[in-house]
Amino acid sequence: MATRLDIRFTTEGDILYATALDWPEDRRLTIKALAQGRTEYPKPIGQVELLGNLGPLPFSREANGLVLTLPPE
């Protein structure tokens, strides 16, 4: 069973796409692989968008991960 901890990544040019396999009930999604200081993705993150949603999402890049606040389902 997939959980919100199951995230898949792909890139196209300079764009990184992250697909979470479940929607968190509290609408907060933490992507640990994109934590501040991780060598896997050292580039700055300027904006986070949700496909199908208008406008960028609120986020913060912390030591434990990239923390996103998602809209209601």
N, C-alpha and C. Protein backbone atom coordinates (compact mmCIF):
# COMPACT_ATOMS: atom_id res chain seq x y z
N MET A 1 0.84 -1.18 0.00
CA MET A 1 0.00 0.00 0.00
C MET A 1 0.88 1.24 0.00
N ALA A 2 0.58 2.17 -0.88
CA ALA A 2 1.35 3.40 -0.99
C ALA A 2 1.00 4.35 0.14
N THR A 3 1.99 5.10 0.59
CA THR A 3 1.78 6.12 1.62
C THR A 3 2.34 7.44 1.13
N ARG A 4 2.12 8.49 1.90
CA ARG A 4 2.65 9.80 1.51
C ARG A 4 4.17 9.83 1.57
N LEU A 5 4.78 8.80 2.13
CA LEU A 5 6.24 8.72 2.15
C LEU A 5 6.79 8.16 0.84
N ASP A 6 5.93 7.59 0.01
CA ASP A 6 6.33 7.04 -1.28
C ASP A 6 6.28 8.16 -2.32
N ILE A 7 7.47 8.58 -2.77
CA ILE A 7 7.55 9.68 -3.71
C ILE A 7 8.45 9.26 -4.86
N ARG A 8 8.03 9.55 -6.07
CA ARG A 8 8.80 9.23 -7.27
C ARG A 8 9.23 10.54 -7.92
N PHE A 9 10.42 10.52 -8.52
CA PHE A 9 10.98 11.73 -9.12
C PHE A 9 11.29 11.51 -10.59
N THR A 10 11.19 12.59 -11.36
CA THR A 10 11.64 12.62 -12.74
C THR A 10 12.03 14.07 -13.05
N THR A 11 12.81 14.27 -14.07
CA THR A 11 13.22 15.62 -14.44
C THR A 11 12.97 15.85 -15.92
N GLU A 12 12.82 17.11 -16.24
CA GLU A 12 12.75 17.56 -17.64
C GLU A 12 13.46 18.89 -17.68
N GLY A 13 14.65 18.90 -18.25
CA GLY A 13 15.46 20.12 -18.23
C GLY A 13 15.81 20.47 -16.79
N ASP A 14 15.54 21.71 -16.40
CA ASP A 14 15.81 22.16 -15.02
C ASP A 14 14.64 21.93 -14.08
N ILE A 15 13.59 21.28 -14.54
CA ILE A 15 12.40 21.07 -13.71
C ILE A 15 12.46 19.69 -13.08
N LEU A 16 12.26 19.66 -11.78
CA LEU A 16 12.18 18.39 -11.04
C LEU A 16 10.71 18.14 -10.70
N TYR A 17 10.21 16.98 -11.08
CA TYR A 17 8.84 16.59 -10.76
C TYR A 17 8.89 15.55 -9.65
N ALA A 18 8.09 15.75 -8.62
CA ALA A 18 7.96 14.79 -7.53
C ALA A 18 6.50 14.36 -7.48
N THR A 19 6.27 13.06 -7.48
CA THR A 19 4.92 12.52 -7.43
C THR A 19 4.73 11.74 -6.14
N ALA A 20 3.88 12.26 -5.26
CA ALA A 20 3.55 11.55 -4.02
C ALA A 20 2.45 10.55 -4.33
N LEU A 21 2.56 9.35 -3.80
CA LEU A 21 1.60 8.30 -4.13
C LEU A 21 0.38 8.27 -3.22
N ASP A 22 0.31 9.21 -2.27
CA ASP A 22 -0.86 9.30 -1.41
C ASP A 22 -0.99 10.75 -0.95
N TRP A 23 -2.20 11.19 -0.65
CA TRP A 23 -2.48 12.55 -0.21
C TRP A 23 -2.50 12.59 1.31
N PRO A 24 -1.66 13.43 1.94
CA PRO A 24 -1.65 13.48 3.41
C PRO A 24 -2.92 14.12 3.96
N GLU A 25 -3.48 13.51 4.99
CA GLU A 25 -4.72 14.02 5.58
C GLU A 25 -4.58 15.44 6.11
N ASP A 26 -3.39 15.75 6.66
CA ASP A 26 -3.17 17.08 7.24
C ASP A 26 -2.70 18.10 6.19
N ARG A 27 -2.62 17.68 4.91
CA ARG A 27 -2.23 18.53 3.79
C ARG A 27 -0.79 19.02 3.87
N ARG A 28 0.03 18.41 4.72
CA ARG A 28 1.46 18.76 4.81
C ARG A 28 2.26 17.56 4.30
N LEU A 29 3.08 17.83 3.31
CA LEU A 29 3.89 16.78 2.71
C LEU A 29 5.36 17.15 2.89
N THR A 30 6.13 16.24 3.47
CA THR A 30 7.56 16.45 3.65
C THR A 30 8.31 15.50 2.73
N ILE A 31 9.14 16.08 1.87
CA ILE A 31 9.95 15.29 0.95
C ILE A 31 11.37 15.26 1.50
N LYS A 32 11.72 14.18 2.16
CA LYS A 32 13.01 14.08 2.84
C LYS A 32 14.19 14.16 1.89
N ALA A 33 14.05 13.62 0.70
CA ALA A 33 15.15 13.62 -0.27
C ALA A 33 15.54 15.03 -0.72
N LEU A 34 14.68 16.01 -0.48
CA LEU A 34 14.95 17.39 -0.89
C LEU A 34 15.28 18.29 0.30
N ALA A 35 15.73 17.69 1.40
CA ALA A 35 16.10 18.45 2.59
C ALA A 35 17.25 19.40 2.30
N GLN A 36 17.28 20.49 3.02
CA GLN A 36 18.39 21.46 2.92
C GLN A 36 19.71 20.75 3.21
N GLY A 37 20.70 20.94 2.35
CA GLY A 37 22.01 20.34 2.57
C GLY A 37 22.20 18.95 2.00
N ARG A 38 21.16 18.33 1.46
CA ARG A 38 21.31 16.99 0.86
C ARG A 38 22.06 17.09 -0.45
N THR A 39 22.97 16.19 -0.68
CA THR A 39 23.78 16.23 -1.90
C THR A 39 23.01 15.75 -3.13
N GLU A 40 21.92 15.02 -2.95
CA GLU A 40 21.16 14.50 -4.08
C GLU A 40 20.54 15.62 -4.91
N TYR A 41 20.17 16.73 -4.27
CA TYR A 41 19.60 17.87 -4.99
C TYR A 41 20.07 19.15 -4.31
N PRO A 42 21.31 19.58 -4.62
CA PRO A 42 21.86 20.76 -3.95
C PRO A 42 21.36 22.09 -4.50
N LYS A 43 20.68 22.08 -5.65
CA LYS A 43 20.22 23.33 -6.27
C LYS A 43 19.18 24.01 -5.38
N PRO A 44 19.11 25.34 -5.45
CA PRO A 44 18.04 26.04 -4.73
C PRO A 44 16.68 25.71 -5.35
N ILE A 45 15.65 25.74 -4.53
CA ILE A 45 14.28 25.52 -5.00
C ILE A 45 13.56 26.85 -4.93
N GLY A 46 13.22 27.39 -6.09
CA GLY A 46 12.62 28.71 -6.13
C GLY A 46 11.11 28.72 -6.06
N GLN A 47 10.49 27.65 -6.51
CA GLN A 47 9.03 27.62 -6.55
C GLN A 47 8.56 26.17 -6.59
N VAL A 48 7.41 25.92 -5.97
CA VAL A 48 6.80 24.60 -5.99
C VAL A 48 5.37 24.76 -6.50
N GLU A 49 5.02 23.95 -7.49
CA GLU A 49 3.67 23.99 -8.04
C GLU A 49 3.05 22.60 -7.99
N LEU A 50 1.75 22.55 -7.95
CA LEU A 50 1.00 21.31 -8.02
C LEU A 50 0.27 21.30 -9.36
N LEU A 51 0.54 20.29 -10.18
CA LEU A 51 -0.12 20.23 -11.47
C LEU A 51 -1.63 20.24 -11.29
N GLY A 52 -2.31 21.07 -12.06
CA GLY A 52 -3.76 21.18 -11.97
C GLY A 52 -4.24 22.21 -10.96
N ASN A 53 -3.30 22.82 -10.21
CA ASN A 53 -3.64 23.83 -9.21
C ASN A 53 -3.12 25.18 -9.71
N LEU A 54 -3.84 26.23 -9.48
CA LEU A 54 -3.40 27.55 -9.91
C LEU A 54 -2.43 28.16 -8.89
N GLY A 55 -1.29 28.58 -9.37
CA GLY A 55 -0.34 29.29 -8.52
C GLY A 55 0.58 28.37 -7.74
N PRO A 56 1.65 28.96 -7.19
CA PRO A 56 2.63 28.19 -6.42
C PRO A 56 2.09 27.78 -5.05
N LEU A 57 2.71 26.74 -4.48
CA LEU A 57 2.35 26.27 -3.14
C LEU A 57 3.30 26.87 -2.10
N PRO A 58 2.81 27.10 -0.88
CA PRO A 58 3.69 27.49 0.20
C PRO A 58 4.63 26.33 0.54
N PHE A 59 5.91 26.64 0.76
CA PHE A 59 6.87 25.60 1.12
C PHE A 59 8.01 26.18 1.93
N SER A 60 8.71 25.31 2.61
CA SER A 60 9.96 25.69 3.28
C SER A 60 10.92 24.53 3.14
N ARG A 61 12.19 24.85 2.97
CA ARG A 61 13.21 23.81 2.83
C ARG A 61 13.97 23.75 4.14
N GLU A 62 13.78 22.67 4.85
CA GLU A 62 14.32 22.53 6.20
C GLU A 62 15.31 21.37 6.25
N ALA A 63 15.94 21.19 7.38
CA ALA A 63 16.94 20.12 7.56
C ALA A 63 16.30 18.74 7.41
N ASN A 64 15.00 18.62 7.73
CA ASN A 64 14.34 17.31 7.64
C ASN A 64 13.64 17.08 6.31
N GLY A 65 13.56 18.10 5.45
CA GLY A 65 12.95 17.90 4.15
C GLY A 65 12.33 19.16 3.58
N LEU A 66 11.84 19.05 2.38
CA LEU A 66 11.07 20.11 1.75
C LEU A 66 9.64 19.94 2.24
N VAL A 67 9.13 20.93 2.96
CA VAL A 67 7.80 20.83 3.57
C VAL A 67 6.82 21.66 2.74
N LEU A 68 5.80 20.97 2.20
CA LEU A 68 4.79 21.61 1.36
C LEU A 68 3.45 21.66 2.08
N THR A 69 2.73 22.73 1.85
CA THR A 69 1.36 22.83 2.32
C THR A 69 0.46 22.70 1.10
N LEU A 70 -0.29 21.60 1.05
CA LEU A 70 -1.12 21.30 -0.12
C LEU A 70 -2.51 21.90 0.04
N PRO A 71 -3.18 22.18 -1.08
CA PRO A 71 -4.55 22.65 -1.01
C PRO A 71 -5.47 21.50 -0.63
N PRO A 72 -6.74 21.81 -0.29
CA PRO A 72 -7.68 20.71 -0.06
C PRO A 72 -7.79 19.86 -1.31
N GLU A 73 -8.05 18.58 -1.13
CA GLU A 73 -8.14 17.65 -2.27
C GLU A 73 -9.14 18.11 -3.28
